């Protein structure tokens, strides 16, 4: 009986968090760029890069705010590129916006990918796709829910001496199993300790021409032509 009660409580907590996440992400905040926008799949330089776009003054929509382990602020932004919508993360320093108006991102729970799934840049098929799919069986953490899609994070194991990569993408909820757990204590995220060794100034991406940003694979930012 106690086990059933705990499961019901966990399910209720997850339902409340999902409702809050969908409400928070439903409408963004209009903003303009201060400089060319380098992007990552998640809030930090440990996440895979996904291109550099536009120039100063270009309008974007800010969806959420997150901090990396060292306390640097990152924004999830939405924009249109080549007639497709995308969401990606960029450092706060690149965007002219009042962060008090931006909803804070929260962890919704941890779980597992039940099957391989198409990886999208945003919550739905209106958004661009990554070349690689989100793999079945990998452990995930969810940070957003909208329109029947989860924003999930997982670690991609690399071969030989290459470091593991953190990645985020949106996948359909049917591909995800969450346990409903939630922890609001940032000190518990020990996996992010090595963020302190990184600088959010990934201006190395600023050398890329946005015409080269059609490589949506996980493996690397777009290569220069």
Protein backbone atom coordinates (compact mmCIF):
# COMPACT_ATOMS: atom_id res chain seq x y z
CA UNK A 1 0.00 0.00 0.00
CA UNK A 2 2.83 2.39 0.87
CA UNK A 3 4.49 1.68 -2.45
CA UNK A 4 1.29 2.46 -4.36
CA UNK A 5 0.84 5.69 -2.43
CA UNK A 6 4.42 6.77 -3.20
CA UNK A 7 3.92 6.07 -6.89
CA UNK A 8 0.72 8.11 -6.93
CA UNK A 9 2.46 11.01 -5.20
CA UNK A 10 5.35 10.85 -7.67
CA UNK A 11 2.91 10.80 -10.59
CA UNK A 12 1.07 13.81 -9.17
CA UNK A 13 4.31 15.74 -8.69
CA UNK A 14 5.35 14.96 -12.26
CA UNK A 15 1.95 16.07 -13.60
CA UNK A 16 2.24 19.39 -11.76
CA UNK A 17 5.78 19.94 -13.04
CA UNK A 18 4.76 19.14 -16.61
CA UNK A 19 1.88 21.60 -16.42
CA UNK A 20 4.18 24.28 -15.03
CA UNK A 21 6.84 23.58 -17.66
CA UNK A 22 4.35 23.78 -20.52
CA UNK A 23 2.85 26.99 -19.16
CA UNK A 24 6.30 28.54 -18.68
CA UNK A 25 7.58 27.66 -22.15
CA UNK A 26 4.30 28.42 -23.94
CA UNK A 27 5.19 32.05 -24.62
CA UNK A 28 8.69 33.47 -24.96
CA UNK A 29 10.18 36.92 -24.48
CA UNK A 30 11.11 38.99 -27.53
CA UNK A 31 14.76 40.05 -27.58
CA UNK A 32 17.55 41.20 -29.91
CA UNK A 33 21.11 40.01 -30.32
CA UNK A 34 24.06 42.00 -29.02
CA UNK A 35 26.44 40.05 -31.24
CA UNK A 36 26.61 37.03 -33.51
CA UNK A 37 24.92 34.11 -31.75
CA UNK A 38 26.96 30.97 -31.08
CA UNK A 39 24.75 28.11 -29.90
CA UNK A 40 24.89 24.83 -27.98
CA UNK A 41 22.38 22.04 -27.48
CA UNK A 42 22.42 22.77 -23.73
CA UNK A 43 23.35 25.48 -21.21
CA UNK A 44 27.13 25.23 -21.15
CA UNK A 45 30.23 24.70 -23.24
CA UNK A 46 30.32 21.00 -22.36
CA UNK A 47 27.28 20.51 -24.62
CA UNK A 48 27.67 19.94 -28.34
CA UNK A 49 27.75 23.02 -30.52
CA UNK A 50 25.06 23.56 -33.13
CA UNK A 51 26.22 26.53 -35.15
CA UNK A 52 26.45 30.31 -35.13
CA UNK A 53 23.69 32.50 -36.53
CA UNK A 54 22.80 36.06 -37.50
CA UNK A 55 24.37 39.31 -36.39
CA UNK A 56 23.79 42.13 -33.93
CA UNK A 57 20.21 43.42 -33.88
CA UNK A 58 18.55 40.23 -35.13
CA UNK A 59 15.33 39.36 -33.26
CA UNK A 60 14.95 36.07 -31.36
CA UNK A 61 12.51 34.70 -28.83
CA UNK A 62 13.88 33.78 -25.39
CA UNK A 63 12.23 30.66 -23.99
CA UNK A 64 14.00 29.91 -20.70
CA UNK A 65 16.95 30.68 -18.44
CA UNK A 66 19.46 28.17 -17.04
CA UNK A 67 22.79 28.33 -15.24
CA UNK A 68 25.82 26.12 -15.67
CA UNK A 69 27.77 24.73 -12.71
CA UNK A 70 30.01 27.79 -12.52
CA UNK A 71 27.02 30.13 -12.35
CA UNK A 72 27.08 31.48 -15.89
CA UNK A 73 23.67 32.29 -17.36
CA UNK A 74 22.47 30.67 -20.59
CA UNK A 75 19.29 31.29 -22.56
CA UNK A 76 17.22 28.87 -24.59
CA UNK A 77 16.19 30.84 -27.66
CA UNK A 78 13.89 30.16 -30.58
CA UNK A 79 14.49 31.43 -34.10
CA UNK A 80 13.75 30.60 -37.71
CA UNK A 81 16.48 29.55 -40.10
CA UNK A 82 16.05 28.24 -43.66
CA UNK A 83 12.26 28.23 -43.16
CA UNK A 84 12.47 25.95 -40.12
CA UNK A 85 12.16 26.73 -36.44
CA UNK A 86 14.98 25.90 -34.03
CA UNK A 87 15.66 26.17 -30.33
CA UNK A 88 19.19 26.26 -28.96
CA UNK A 89 21.17 27.71 -26.05
CA UNK A 90 23.40 30.75 -26.12
CA UNK A 91 25.23 32.78 -23.48
CA UNK A 92 23.36 35.66 -21.85
CA UNK A 93 26.06 38.08 -22.98
CA UNK A 94 24.89 37.68 -26.58
CA UNK A 95 21.25 38.67 -26.00
CA UNK A 96 19.68 41.96 -24.96
CA UNK A 97 16.95 40.84 -22.54
CA UNK A 98 15.83 41.37 -18.95
CA UNK A 99 16.33 37.96 -17.32
CA UNK A 100 13.70 38.82 -14.70
CA UNK A 101 11.15 38.36 -17.49
CA UNK A 102 12.47 34.92 -18.50
CA UNK A 103 11.16 31.73 -16.83
CA UNK A 104 13.74 29.60 -15.06
CA UNK A 105 14.33 26.14 -16.42
CA UNK A 106 13.68 23.26 -14.00
CA UNK A 107 14.40 19.58 -13.93
CA UNK A 108 11.24 17.49 -14.42
CA UNK A 109 12.64 14.06 -13.66
CA UNK A 110 14.98 11.32 -14.76
CA UNK A 111 14.30 8.19 -16.76
CA UNK A 112 15.18 6.21 -19.86
CA UNK A 113 14.68 6.35 -23.61
CA UNK A 114 12.29 3.49 -24.45
CA UNK A 115 13.18 3.48 -28.14
CA UNK A 116 15.20 5.29 -30.76
CA UNK A 117 13.47 8.57 -31.55
CA UNK A 118 13.80 11.44 -33.97
CA UNK A 119 15.70 14.27 -32.30
CA UNK A 120 14.23 17.71 -32.91
CA UNK A 121 15.51 21.22 -32.24
CA UNK A 122 12.16 22.03 -30.64
CA UNK A 123 8.87 20.54 -29.45
CA UNK A 124 7.39 19.12 -32.64
CA UNK A 125 7.83 18.27 -36.29
CA UNK A 126 7.68 21.97 -37.23
CA UNK A 127 11.24 22.21 -35.94
CA UNK A 128 14.44 21.15 -37.69
CA UNK A 129 15.78 17.66 -37.03
CA UNK A 130 19.22 16.51 -35.98
CA UNK A 131 20.78 13.91 -38.25
CA UNK A 132 21.34 11.48 -35.37
CA UNK A 133 18.46 10.01 -33.39
CA UNK A 134 18.14 9.91 -29.61
CA UNK A 135 19.24 6.34 -28.78
CA UNK A 136 17.16 3.66 -27.08
CA UNK A 137 18.17 2.66 -23.55
CA UNK A 138 20.17 5.77 -22.68
CA UNK A 139 19.57 7.42 -19.29
CA UNK A 140 17.96 10.85 -19.59
CA UNK A 141 16.96 13.88 -17.56
CA UNK A 142 14.00 15.97 -18.72
CA UNK A 143 14.09 19.76 -18.54
CA UNK A 144 11.02 20.76 -20.52
CA UNK A 145 7.67 19.51 -21.78
CA UNK A 146 5.57 21.07 -24.51
CA UNK A 147 3.07 19.87 -27.10
CA UNK A 148 3.66 16.21 -26.23
CA UNK A 149 7.47 16.46 -26.47
CA UNK A 150 10.17 16.32 -23.80
CA UNK A 151 13.40 18.27 -23.78
CA UNK A 152 15.82 15.54 -22.71
CA UNK A 153 19.48 15.48 -21.81
CA UNK A 154 21.79 12.50 -22.11
CA UNK A 155 25.48 11.67 -22.31
CA UNK A 156 26.99 10.41 -25.52
CA UNK A 157 29.87 8.03 -24.82
CA UNK A 158 32.86 8.67 -27.04
CA UNK A 159 35.49 6.21 -28.16
CA UNK A 160 39.17 6.12 -27.21
CA UNK A 161 40.40 9.30 -25.52
CA UNK A 162 37.60 11.62 -26.56
CA UNK A 163 35.56 13.13 -23.74
CA UNK A 164 31.91 12.20 -23.28
CA UNK A 165 29.50 14.78 -24.68
CA UNK A 166 26.37 16.19 -23.10
CA UNK A 167 23.47 16.66 -25.50
CA UNK A 168 19.91 17.92 -25.42
CA UNK A 169 17.09 17.49 -27.90
CA UNK A 170 13.31 17.26 -28.03
CA UNK A 171 11.68 13.84 -28.45
CA UNK A 172 8.10 12.61 -28.47
CA UNK A 173 6.75 11.64 -25.06
CA UNK A 174 5.97 8.10 -26.27
CA UNK A 175 9.73 7.45 -26.45
CA UNK A 176 10.37 8.48 -22.84
CA UNK A 177 9.84 6.83 -19.46
CA UNK A 178 10.21 9.16 -16.46
CA UNK A 179 10.24 8.05 -12.85
CA UNK A 180 8.73 11.32 -11.63
CA UNK A 181 11.66 12.14 -9.39
CA UNK A 182 12.72 15.72 -8.87
CA UNK A 183 15.51 17.30 -6.86
CA UNK A 184 15.71 21.06 -6.43
CA UNK A 185 19.19 21.06 -4.89
CA UNK A 186 21.80 22.14 -7.45
CA UNK A 187 24.58 20.81 -5.21
CA UNK A 188 23.50 17.30 -6.14
CA UNK A 189 24.56 17.71 -9.75
CA UNK A 190 28.09 16.44 -9.25
CA UNK A 191 28.37 15.47 -12.90
CA UNK A 192 28.68 19.13 -13.76
CA UNK A 193 31.72 19.84 -11.59
CA UNK A 194 33.98 20.13 -14.60
CA UNK A 195 31.95 23.05 -15.93
CA UNK A 196 34.29 25.19 -13.84
CA UNK A 197 37.06 24.38 -16.29
CA UNK A 198 35.15 25.87 -19.20
CA UNK A 199 34.57 29.42 -20.37
CA UNK A 200 31.22 30.29 -21.89
CA UNK A 201 33.08 32.46 -24.39
CA UNK A 202 32.82 29.99 -27.25
CA UNK A 203 33.60 32.70 -29.77
CA UNK A 204 35.47 30.13 -31.77
CA UNK A 205 32.08 29.40 -33.29
CA UNK A 206 31.73 33.02 -34.34
CA UNK A 207 34.10 32.35 -37.22
CA UNK A 208 31.51 30.14 -38.89
CA UNK A 209 29.35 31.48 -41.66
CA UNK A 210 25.67 30.79 -41.02
CA UNK A 211 25.44 29.44 -44.55
CA UNK A 212 27.48 26.48 -43.24
CA UNK A 213 25.06 25.56 -40.47
CA UNK A 214 23.19 22.82 -42.31
CA UNK A 215 25.03 19.98 -40.53
CA UNK A 216 22.61 19.07 -37.76
CA UNK A 217 24.49 16.02 -36.51
CA UNK A 218 25.55 15.57 -32.91
CA UNK A 219 29.17 14.99 -33.77
CA UNK A 220 30.42 18.52 -34.35
CA UNK A 221 29.48 22.12 -35.14
CA UNK A 222 29.22 22.91 -38.85
CA UNK A 223 32.52 22.70 -40.65
CA UNK A 224 33.88 25.62 -42.60
CA UNK A 225 33.85 25.42 -46.37
